[in-house]
C-alpha atoms as a PDB file:
ATOM      1  CA  MET A   1      -2.461 -30.800 -30.968  1.00  0.00           C
ATOM      2  CA  THR A   2       1.235 -30.401 -31.817  1.00  0.00           C
ATOM      3  CA  ALA A   3       3.978 -32.429 -30.169  1.00  0.00           C
ATOM      4  CA  GLU A   4       5.071 -29.369 -28.125  1.00  0.00           C
ATOM      5  CA  MET A   5       1.578 -29.052 -26.660  1.00  0.00           C
ATOM      6  CA  ARG A   6       1.127 -32.677 -25.566  1.00  0.00           C
ATOM      7  CA  PRO A   7       1.942 -33.440 -21.940  1.00  0.00           C
ATOM      8  CA  ALA A   8       5.317 -35.115 -21.593  1.00  0.00           C
ATOM      9  CA  PRO A   9       5.608 -38.502 -19.885  1.00  0.00           C
ATOM     10  CA  ALA A  10       6.245 -38.334 -16.135  1.00  0.00           C
ATOM     11  CA  ASP A  11       9.868 -39.439 -16.563  1.00  0.00           C
ATOM     12  CA  ALA A  12      10.671 -36.977 -19.401  1.00  0.00           C
ATOM     13  CA  PRO A  13      13.639 -34.620 -18.898  1.00  0.00           C
ATOM     14  CA  SER A  14      11.253 -31.682 -19.260  1.00  0.00           C
ATOM     15  CA  LYS A  15       9.375 -32.796 -16.119  1.00  0.00           C
ATOM     16  CA  GLY A  16      12.616 -32.862 -14.140  1.00  0.00           C
ATOM     17  CA  ARG A  17      13.537 -29.404 -15.434  1.00  0.00           C
ATOM     18  CA  LEU A  18      10.106 -28.117 -14.492  1.00  0.00           C
ATOM     19  CA  ARG A  19      10.539 -29.505 -10.955  1.00  0.00           C
ATOM     20  CA  LEU A  20      13.992 -27.892 -10.806  1.00  0.00           C
ATOM     21  CA  TRP A  21      12.570 -24.525 -11.866  1.00  0.00           C
ATOM     22  CA  LEU A  22       9.847 -24.741  -9.208  1.00  0.00           C
ATOM     23  CA  ARG A  23      12.452 -25.633  -6.557  1.00  0.00           C
ATOM     24  CA  ILE A  24      14.719 -22.727  -7.594  1.00  0.00           C
ATOM     25  CA  LEU A  25      11.731 -20.374  -7.442  1.00  0.00           C
ATOM     26  CA  LYS A  26      10.647 -21.668  -4.022  1.00  0.00           C
ATOM     27  CA  VAL A  27      14.141 -21.367  -2.529  1.00  0.00           C
ATOM     28  CA  SER A  28      14.610 -17.919  -4.054  1.00  0.00           C
ATOM     29  CA  ARG A  29      11.328 -16.714  -2.574  1.00  0.00           C
ATOM     30  CA  LEU A  30      12.128 -18.179   0.845  1.00  0.00           C
ATOM     31  CA  VAL A  31      15.565 -16.560   0.975  1.00  0.00           C
ATOM     32  CA  GLU A  32      14.265 -13.240  -0.322  1.00  0.00           C
ATOM     33  CA  ALA A  33      11.406 -13.204   2.214  1.00  0.00           C
ATOM     34  CA  GLU A  34      13.849 -13.890   5.047  1.00  0.00           C
ATOM     35  CA  LEU A  35      16.199 -11.122   3.877  1.00  0.00           C
ATOM     36  CA  ARG A  36      13.303  -8.663   3.549  1.00  0.00           C
ATOM     37  CA  GLU A  37      12.099  -9.462   7.062  1.00  0.00           C
ATOM     38  CA  ARG A  38      15.550  -9.179   8.622  1.00  0.00           C
ATOM     39  CA  LEU A  39      16.266  -5.853   6.894  1.00  0.00           C
ATOM     40  CA  ARG A  40      12.936  -4.552   8.156  1.00  0.00           C
ATOM     41  CA  ALA A  41      13.206  -5.917  11.690  1.00  0.00           C
ATOM     42  CA  GLU A  42      16.865  -5.197  12.369  1.00  0.00           C
ATOM     43  CA  PHE A  43      17.465  -2.030  10.353  1.00  0.00           C
ATOM     44  CA  GLY A  44      14.053  -0.562   9.524  1.00  0.00           C
ATOM     45  CA  SER A  45      15.013  -0.847   5.859  1.00  0.00           C
ATOM     46  CA  THR A  46      13.792  -2.563   2.715  1.00  0.00           C
ATOM     47  CA  LEU A  47      15.330  -4.763   0.061  1.00  0.00           C
ATOM     48  CA  PRO A  48      14.794  -2.143  -2.687  1.00  0.00           C
ATOM     49  CA  ARG A  49      16.659   0.458  -0.569  1.00  0.00           C
ATOM     50  CA  PHE A  50      19.436  -2.068  -0.017  1.00  0.00           C
ATOM     51  CA  ASP A  51      19.614  -2.714  -3.776  1.00  0.00           C
ATOM     52  CA  VAL A  52      19.824   1.019  -4.582  1.00  0.00           C
ATOM     53  CA  MET A  53      22.550   1.538  -1.993  1.00  0.00           C
ATOM     54  CA  ALA A  54      24.443  -1.532  -3.242  1.00  0.00           C
ATOM     55  CA  ALA A  55      24.423  -0.239  -6.813  1.00  0.00           C
ATOM     56  CA  LEU A  56      25.632   3.179  -5.667  1.00  0.00           C
ATOM     57  CA  HIS A  57      28.286   1.613  -3.440  1.00  0.00           C
ATOM     58  CA  ARG A  58      29.790  -0.091  -6.500  1.00  0.00           C
ATOM     59  CA  SER A  59      29.951   3.237  -8.351  1.00  0.00           C
ATOM     60  CA  GLU A  60      32.233   5.630  -6.481  1.00  0.00           C
ATOM     61  CA  LYS A  61      31.396   8.577  -8.764  1.00  0.00           C
ATOM     62  CA  GLY A  62      27.665   7.859  -8.624  1.00  0.00           C
ATOM     63  CA  MET A  63      25.150   7.289 -11.397  1.00  0.00           C
ATOM     64  CA  LYS A  64      22.563   9.149 -13.375  1.00  0.00           C
ATOM     65  CA  MET A  65      19.062   8.020 -12.451  1.00  0.00           C
ATOM     66  CA  SER A  66      18.680   6.328 -15.840  1.00  0.00           C
ATOM     67  CA  GLU A  67      21.896   4.360 -15.232  1.00  0.00           C
ATOM     68  CA  LEU A  68      20.734   3.373 -11.765  1.00  0.00           C
ATOM     69  CA  SER A  69      17.344   2.179 -12.989  1.00  0.00           C
ATOM     70  CA  GLY A  70      19.095   0.293 -15.810  1.00  0.00           C
ATOM     71  CA  VAL A  71      21.416  -1.500 -13.400  1.00  0.00           C
ATOM     72  CA  LEU A  72      18.481  -2.399 -11.153  1.00  0.00           C
ATOM     73  CA  LYS A  73      16.252  -3.332 -14.115  1.00  0.00           C
ATOM     74  CA  VAL A  74      13.385  -1.139 -12.871  1.00  0.00           C
ATOM     75  CA  SER A  75      11.773   2.079 -14.081  1.00  0.00           C
ATOM     76  CA  ASN A  76      13.069   5.536 -13.162  1.00  0.00           C
ATOM     77  CA  GLY A  77       9.849   6.060 -11.236  1.00  0.00           C
ATOM     78  CA  ASN A  78      10.531   3.061  -9.013  1.00  0.00           C
ATOM     79  CA  VAL A  79      13.974   4.387  -8.115  1.00  0.00           C
ATOM     80  CA  THR A  80      13.048   8.062  -7.698  1.00  0.00           C
ATOM     81  CA  GLY A  81      11.010   7.622  -4.518  1.00  0.00           C
ATOM     82  CA  ILE A  82      13.697   5.508  -2.886  1.00  0.00           C
ATOM     83  CA  VAL A  83      16.435   7.973  -3.847  1.00  0.00           C
ATOM     84  CA  ASP A  84      14.337  10.919  -2.589  1.00  0.00           C
ATOM     85  CA  ARG A  85      13.982   9.273   0.838  1.00  0.00           C
ATOM     86  CA  LEU A  86      17.675   8.381   0.958  1.00  0.00           C
ATOM     87  CA  VAL A  87      18.538  12.011   0.111  1.00  0.00           C
ATOM     88  CA  ASP A  88      16.220  13.222   2.898  1.00  0.00           C
ATOM     89  CA  GLU A  89      18.024  10.900   5.326  1.00  0.00           C
ATOM     90  CA  GLY A  90      21.472  12.098   4.253  1.00  0.00           C
ATOM     91  CA  MET A  91      22.461   8.715   2.806  1.00  0.00           C
ATOM     92  CA  VAL A  92      22.566   9.867  -0.832  1.00  0.00           C
ATOM     93  CA  GLU A  93      23.330  13.176  -2.486  1.00  0.00           C
ATOM     94  CA  ARG A  94      22.521  14.619  -5.882  1.00  0.00           C
ATOM     95  CA  VAL A  95      25.430  16.128  -7.824  1.00  0.00           C
ATOM     96  CA  ALA A  96      25.133  18.208 -10.999  1.00  0.00           C
ATOM     97  CA  VAL A  97      26.602  16.669 -14.152  1.00  0.00           C
ATOM     98  CA  GLU A  98      29.128  19.025 -15.714  1.00  0.00           C
ATOM     99  CA  GLY A  99      28.037  20.182 -19.147  1.00  0.00           C
ATOM    100  CA  ASP A 100      24.427  18.983 -18.752  1.00  0.00           C
ATOM    101  CA  ARG A 101      22.233  21.315 -16.693  1.00  0.00           C
ATOM    102  CA  ARG A 102      19.309  18.891 -16.719  1.00  0.00           C
ATOM    103  CA  ALA A 103      21.197  15.826 -15.487  1.00  0.00           C
ATOM    104  CA  THR A 104      22.276  14.901 -11.992  1.00  0.00           C
ATOM    105  CA  ARG A 105      24.183  12.016 -10.544  1.00  0.00           C
ATOM    106  CA  VAL A 106      23.248  10.366  -7.295  1.00  0.00           C
ATOM    107  CA  ARG A 107      25.894   8.921  -5.033  1.00  0.00           C
ATOM    108  CA  LEU A 108      26.259   7.700  -1.496  1.00  0.00           C
ATOM    109  CA  THR A 109      27.374  10.207   1.095  1.00  0.00           C
ATOM    110  CA  ALA A 110      30.022   9.187   3.621  1.00  0.00           C
ATOM    111  CA  ALA A 111      27.196   8.382   6.052  1.00  0.00           C
ATOM    112  CA  GLY A 112      25.424   6.376   3.335  1.00  0.00           C
ATOM    113  CA  ARG A 113      28.583   4.429   2.552  1.00  0.00           C
ATOM    114  CA  THR A 114      29.058   3.590   6.256  1.00  0.00           C
ATOM    115  CA  ARG A 115      25.394   2.616   6.631  1.00  0.00           C
ATOM    116  CA  PHE A 116      25.484   0.418   3.543  1.00  0.00           C
ATOM    117  CA  GLU A 117      28.636  -1.365   4.709  1.00  0.00           C
ATOM    118  CA  THR A 118      26.845  -2.211   7.967  1.00  0.00           C
ATOM    119  CA  LEU A 119      23.814  -3.492   6.050  1.00  0.00           C
ATOM    120  CA  ALA A 120      25.998  -5.441   3.606  1.00  0.00           C
ATOM    121  CA  ALA A 121      27.886  -7.199   6.394  1.00  0.00           C
ATOM    122  CA  ALA A 122      24.611  -8.258   8.033  1.00  0.00           C
ATOM    123  CA  HIS A 123      23.180  -9.312   4.648  1.00  0.00           C
ATOM    124  CA  GLU A 124      26.221 -11.471   3.936  1.00  0.00           C
ATOM    125  CA  ALA A 125      25.973 -13.111   7.351  1.00  0.00           C
ATOM    126  CA  TRP A 126      22.255 -13.842   6.845  1.00  0.00           C
ATOM    127  CA  VAL A 127      22.842 -15.368   3.407  1.00  0.00           C
ATOM    128  CA  ASP A 128      25.729 -17.399   4.812  1.00  0.00           C
ATOM    129  CA  ARG A 129      23.472 -18.758   7.545  1.00  0.00           C
ATOM    130  CA  LEU A 130      20.575 -19.439   5.152  1.00  0.00           C
ATOM    131  CA  LEU A 131      22.818 -21.341   2.723  1.00  0.00           C
ATOM    132  CA  GLY A 132      25.060 -22.787   5.427  1.00  0.00           C
ATOM    133  CA  GLY A 133      23.923 -26.325   4.685  1.00  0.00           C
ATOM    134  CA  LEU A 134      26.110 -26.285   1.575  1.00  0.00           C
ATOM    135  CA  ASP A 135      29.843 -26.855   1.808  1.00  0.00           C
ATOM    136  CA  ARG A 136      32.356 -24.929  -0.308  1.00  0.00           C
ATOM    137  CA  GLY A 137      32.384 -27.534  -3.106  1.00  0.00           C
ATOM    138  CA  GLU A 138      28.594 -27.739  -3.299  1.00  0.00           C
ATOM    139  CA  THR A 139      28.381 -23.953  -3.381  1.00  0.00           C
ATOM    140  CA  ALA A 140      30.871 -23.768  -6.252  1.00  0.00           C
ATOM    141  CA  GLU A 141      29.093 -26.560  -8.135  1.00  0.00           C
ATOM    142  CA  MET A 142      25.650 -24.982  -7.777  1.00  0.00           C
ATOM    143  CA  THR A 143      27.038 -21.596  -8.788  1.00  0.00           C
ATOM    144  CA  ALA A 144      28.556 -23.113 -11.925  1.00  0.00           C
ATOM    145  CA  LEU A 145      25.372 -24.999 -12.778  1.00  0.00           C
ATOM    146  CA  LEU A 146      23.215 -21.902 -12.365  1.00  0.00           C
ATOM    147  CA  ALA A 147      25.695 -19.906 -14.468  1.00  0.00           C
ATOM    148  CA  ARG A 148      25.140 -22.412 -17.274  1.00  0.00           C
ATOM    149  CA  ILE A 149      21.439 -21.588 -17.165  1.00  0.00           C
ATOM    150  CA  ALA A 150      21.947 -17.822 -16.991  1.00  0.00           C
ATOM    151  CA  HIS A 151      24.708 -17.609 -19.617  1.00  0.00           C
ATOM    152  CA  PRO A 152      24.691 -20.793 -21.718  1.00  0.00           C
ATOM    153  CA  ASP A 153      26.714 -19.258 -24.587  1.00  0.00           C
ATOM    154  CA  ALA A 154      29.435 -17.828 -22.343  1.00  0.00           C
ATOM    155  CA  VAL A 155      29.813 -21.086 -20.426  1.00  0.00           C
ATOM    156  CA  ALA A 156      29.952 -23.143 -23.618  1.00  0.00           C
ATOM    157  CA  GLU A 157      32.787 -20.934 -24.879  1.00  0.00           C
ATOM    158  CA  GLU A 158      34.752 -21.483 -21.656  1.00  0.00           C
ATOM    159  CA  ILE A 159      34.662 -25.271 -22.004  1.00  0.00           C
END
């Protein structure tokens, strides 16, 4: 058995990092489950619909479906059904791409933009309440620490 495969001692840094990862995962799942339930109960919506609308809200001119699925890190097929339902509800519209007969952009309609802004305000309030046990300094510190995990090279260059 190689050194990498042997169990580390209970006080090894790797054990602490493993516990940290499990805690991050648990908290993430708890927060996500609460957000999913609140979107469903209060707005009859889903987190994937919220994510699609959020991505489109950030892009005034809209996005091709491939761009949208790329931003959301999901397949075109996963996004298509959501977009189809949002189109049927008048929240999203398809717009032809000039010079490319096969391509279309999807973008929020005025009603979709208004609806998303209502959802986003509620979402922000829910997250604020869920993470309300942290003060401003703790929030900034945790954000910075998690950024070091997500982008270790970028953070190292900033220092």
